[in-house]
Amino acid sequence: MKNLERITLNPDVMGGKPCIKGLRMTVGTIIGLLASGLTTEEVLKMYPYLQIEDIMAALSYAAWRSEEIEVPLATA
C-alpha cells in the first residue's frame, strides 16, 4: 500500500501502536484530531514537526486497517 513506509509499529514505542516513522505521534492521534473537526492545516500548525505526507499516511493506514478482516485463530 502506498504511503505505509511512513508508518511504523514498534512494541517499544507507544505500546506498539502505529506511529509516524521517527516520531512518537500515533496514527490514532492524527485521525482523532481530524475526526474532531480540525483541518490538516490546523494539525500541522499544532505539530510543526509533522508533514502533510505524515497526515496522508495516517489516513491511508487507517483506511487500510478498517478494511482488514480479522479472523480468530483456531484453538487447539
N, C-alpha and C. Protein backbone atom coordinates (compact mmCIF):
# COMPACT_ATOMS: atom_id res chain seq x y z
N MET A 1 0.84 -1.19 0.00
CA MET A 1 0.00 0.00 0.00
C MET A 1 0.88 1.24 0.00
N LYS A 2 0.51 2.20 -0.81
CA LYS A 2 1.22 3.47 -0.91
C LYS A 2 1.17 4.21 0.43
N ASN A 3 2.23 4.88 0.79
CA ASN A 3 2.34 5.73 1.99
C ASN A 3 2.63 4.97 3.27
N LEU A 4 2.57 3.67 3.28
CA LEU A 4 2.76 2.96 4.54
C LEU A 4 4.22 2.93 5.00
N GLU A 5 5.15 3.35 4.15
CA GLU A 5 6.55 3.39 4.58
C GLU A 5 6.77 4.46 5.65
N ARG A 6 5.84 5.37 5.82
CA ARG A 6 5.95 6.41 6.85
C ARG A 6 5.37 5.95 8.19
N ILE A 7 4.74 4.77 8.21
CA ILE A 7 4.11 4.25 9.43
C ILE A 7 4.95 3.11 9.97
N THR A 8 5.22 3.15 11.27
CA THR A 8 5.98 2.08 11.91
C THR A 8 5.20 1.51 13.08
N LEU A 9 5.49 0.25 13.37
CA LEU A 9 4.93 -0.42 14.54
C LEU A 9 6.10 -1.02 15.29
N ASN A 10 6.33 -0.52 16.50
CA ASN A 10 7.44 -0.99 17.31
C ASN A 10 6.91 -1.21 18.72
N PRO A 11 7.04 -2.44 19.24
CA PRO A 11 6.50 -2.71 20.57
C PRO A 11 7.12 -1.86 21.67
N ASP A 12 8.29 -1.27 21.41
CA ASP A 12 8.97 -0.44 22.40
C ASP A 12 8.60 1.04 22.31
N VAL A 13 7.78 1.40 21.33
CA VAL A 13 7.40 2.81 21.14
C VAL A 13 5.87 2.91 21.19
N MET A 14 5.38 3.71 22.11
CA MET A 14 3.95 3.98 22.26
C MET A 14 3.12 2.69 22.36
N GLY A 15 3.68 1.72 23.04
CA GLY A 15 2.95 0.47 23.27
C GLY A 15 2.70 -0.34 22.02
N GLY A 16 3.47 -0.11 20.98
CA GLY A 16 3.30 -0.86 19.74
C GLY A 16 2.24 -0.31 18.81
N LYS A 17 1.66 0.83 19.16
CA LYS A 17 0.66 1.44 18.30
C LYS A 17 1.33 1.96 17.03
N PRO A 18 0.60 2.00 15.92
CA PRO A 18 1.19 2.54 14.69
C PRO A 18 1.51 4.03 14.87
N CYS A 19 2.74 4.37 14.51
CA CYS A 19 3.23 5.74 14.68
C CYS A 19 3.83 6.25 13.38
N ILE A 20 3.95 7.56 13.30
CA ILE A 20 4.69 8.18 12.20
C ILE A 20 6.17 7.85 12.43
N LYS A 21 6.83 7.39 11.39
CA LYS A 21 8.21 6.95 11.47
C LYS A 21 9.10 8.04 12.10
N GLY A 22 9.84 7.65 13.13
CA GLY A 22 10.77 8.54 13.80
C GLY A 22 10.13 9.46 14.82
N LEU A 23 8.81 9.37 14.99
CA LEU A 23 8.11 10.24 15.93
C LEU A 23 7.28 9.41 16.90
N ARG A 24 6.94 10.00 18.01
CA ARG A 24 6.03 9.37 18.97
C ARG A 24 4.63 9.94 18.78
N MET A 25 4.22 10.02 17.54
CA MET A 25 2.89 10.51 17.16
C MET A 25 2.14 9.34 16.56
N THR A 26 1.07 8.94 17.24
CA THR A 26 0.33 7.78 16.75
C THR A 26 -0.64 8.15 15.63
N VAL A 27 -0.90 7.15 14.81
CA VAL A 27 -1.91 7.30 13.77
C VAL A 27 -3.24 7.68 14.41
N GLY A 28 -3.56 7.04 15.52
CA GLY A 28 -4.82 7.31 16.21
C GLY A 28 -4.95 8.76 16.65
N THR A 29 -3.87 9.35 17.09
CA THR A 29 -3.89 10.76 17.49
C THR A 29 -4.23 11.65 16.30
N ILE A 30 -3.58 11.40 15.19
CA ILE A 30 -3.82 12.21 13.99
C ILE A 30 -5.26 12.03 13.50
N ILE A 31 -5.71 10.79 13.43
CA ILE A 31 -7.08 10.53 12.98
C ILE A 31 -8.08 11.16 13.94
N GLY A 32 -7.81 11.07 15.22
CA GLY A 32 -8.70 11.67 16.22
C GLY A 32 -8.79 13.18 16.07
N LEU A 33 -7.68 13.83 15.81
CA LEU A 33 -7.70 15.28 15.61
C LEU A 33 -8.53 15.66 14.39
N LEU A 34 -8.33 14.92 13.30
CA LEU A 34 -9.10 15.20 12.09
C LEU A 34 -10.58 14.90 12.31
N ALA A 35 -10.88 13.80 13.00
CA ALA A 35 -12.27 13.43 13.27
C ALA A 35 -12.97 14.45 14.17
N SER A 36 -12.19 15.14 15.00
CA SER A 36 -12.79 16.14 15.89
C SER A 36 -13.07 17.46 15.17
N GLY A 37 -12.70 17.53 13.90
CA GLY A 37 -13.03 18.71 13.11
C GLY A 37 -11.87 19.59 12.73
N LEU A 38 -10.68 19.27 13.20
CA LEU A 38 -9.52 20.09 12.83
C LEU A 38 -9.17 19.85 11.36
N THR A 39 -8.66 20.87 10.72
CA THR A 39 -8.19 20.73 9.34
C THR A 39 -6.75 20.23 9.36
N THR A 40 -6.28 19.76 8.22
CA THR A 40 -4.88 19.33 8.14
C THR A 40 -3.95 20.50 8.46
N GLU A 41 -4.33 21.69 8.02
CA GLU A 41 -3.50 22.87 8.29
C GLU A 41 -3.41 23.15 9.78
N GLU A 42 -4.52 22.99 10.49
CA GLU A 42 -4.52 23.20 11.94
C GLU A 42 -3.67 22.15 12.65
N VAL A 43 -3.75 20.91 12.20
CA VAL A 43 -2.93 19.85 12.80
C VAL A 43 -1.45 20.14 12.56
N LEU A 44 -1.11 20.55 11.35
CA LEU A 44 0.29 20.87 11.05
C LEU A 44 0.78 22.06 11.86
N LYS A 45 -0.10 23.01 12.13
CA LYS A 45 0.29 24.17 12.94
C LYS A 45 0.50 23.76 14.40
N MET A 46 -0.36 22.84 14.90
CA MET A 46 -0.22 22.36 16.28
C MET A 46 1.02 21.49 16.46
N TYR A 47 1.37 20.75 15.43
CA TYR A 47 2.50 19.82 15.49
C TYR A 47 3.43 20.12 14.31
N PRO A 48 4.25 21.15 14.42
CA PRO A 48 5.06 21.60 13.29
C PRO A 48 6.09 20.59 12.79
N TYR A 49 6.35 19.57 13.58
CA TYR A 49 7.29 18.54 13.14
C TYR A 49 6.63 17.53 12.20
N LEU A 50 5.31 17.59 12.07
CA LEU A 50 4.62 16.73 11.11
C LEU A 50 4.67 17.34 9.72
N GLN A 51 4.54 16.49 8.72
CA GLN A 51 4.45 16.94 7.34
C GLN A 51 3.11 16.47 6.79
N ILE A 52 2.65 17.12 5.74
CA ILE A 52 1.38 16.73 5.14
C ILE A 52 1.40 15.26 4.73
N GLU A 53 2.57 14.77 4.31
CA GLU A 53 2.70 13.36 3.92
C GLU A 53 2.45 12.43 5.11
N ASP A 54 2.79 12.89 6.31
CA ASP A 54 2.53 12.10 7.51
C ASP A 54 1.03 11.96 7.75
N ILE A 55 0.31 13.05 7.57
CA ILE A 55 -1.14 13.01 7.76
C ILE A 55 -1.79 12.11 6.71
N MET A 56 -1.34 12.23 5.47
CA MET A 56 -1.89 11.39 4.42
C MET A 56 -1.57 9.92 4.67
N ALA A 57 -0.38 9.65 5.18
CA ALA A 57 -0.01 8.27 5.51
C ALA A 57 -0.88 7.73 6.63
N ALA A 58 -1.18 8.56 7.62
CA ALA A 58 -2.05 8.14 8.72
C ALA A 58 -3.45 7.83 8.21
N LEU A 59 -3.96 8.66 7.33
CA LEU A 59 -5.27 8.41 6.74
C LEU A 59 -5.27 7.12 5.91
N SER A 60 -4.22 6.93 5.13
CA SER A 60 -4.11 5.71 4.32
C SER A 60 -4.05 4.47 5.20
N TYR A 61 -3.27 4.55 6.26
CA TYR A 61 -3.15 3.41 7.17
C TYR A 61 -4.50 3.12 7.83
N ALA A 62 -5.18 4.15 8.30
CA ALA A 62 -6.47 3.95 8.97
C ALA A 62 -7.50 3.36 8.00
N ALA A 63 -7.51 3.83 6.77
CA ALA A 63 -8.44 3.28 5.78
C ALA A 63 -8.12 1.82 5.50
N TRP A 64 -6.85 1.51 5.32
CA TRP A 64 -6.44 0.13 5.06
C TRP A 64 -6.79 -0.75 6.25
N ARG A 65 -6.52 -0.29 7.45
CA ARG A 65 -6.76 -1.09 8.66
C ARG A 65 -8.24 -1.32 8.87
N SER A 66 -9.06 -0.35 8.53
CA SER A 66 -10.50 -0.52 8.73
C SER A 66 -11.09 -1.55 7.78
N GLU A 67 -10.42 -1.81 6.67
CA GLU A 67 -10.87 -2.79 5.70
C GLU A 67 -10.33 -4.19 5.98
N GLU A 68 -9.36 -4.28 6.85
CA GLU A 68 -8.74 -5.58 7.14
C GLU A 68 -9.73 -6.45 7.91
N ILE A 69 -9.79 -7.70 7.55
CA ILE A 69 -10.67 -8.65 8.24
C ILE A 69 -9.84 -9.44 9.23
N GLU A 70 -10.26 -9.47 10.46
CA GLU A 70 -9.57 -10.24 11.47
C GLU A 70 -10.30 -11.56 11.67
N VAL A 71 -9.55 -12.64 11.55
CA VAL A 71 -10.10 -13.97 11.73
C VAL A 71 -9.49 -14.56 12.99
N PRO A 72 -10.31 -14.98 13.94
CA PRO A 72 -9.75 -15.56 15.17
C PRO A 72 -9.01 -16.85 14.86
N LEU A 73 -7.91 -17.06 15.60
CA LEU A 73 -7.15 -18.29 15.45
C LEU A 73 -7.92 -19.44 16.08
N ALA A 74 -7.82 -20.57 15.45
CA ALA A 74 -8.48 -21.77 16.00
C ALA A 74 -7.75 -22.20 17.26
N THR A 75 -8.47 -22.61 18.27
CA THR A 75 -7.85 -23.10 19.49
C THR A 75 -7.63 -24.60 19.37
N ALA A 76 -6.53 -25.03 19.89
CA ALA A 76 -6.18 -26.46 19.79
C ALA A 76 -6.86 -27.27 20.84
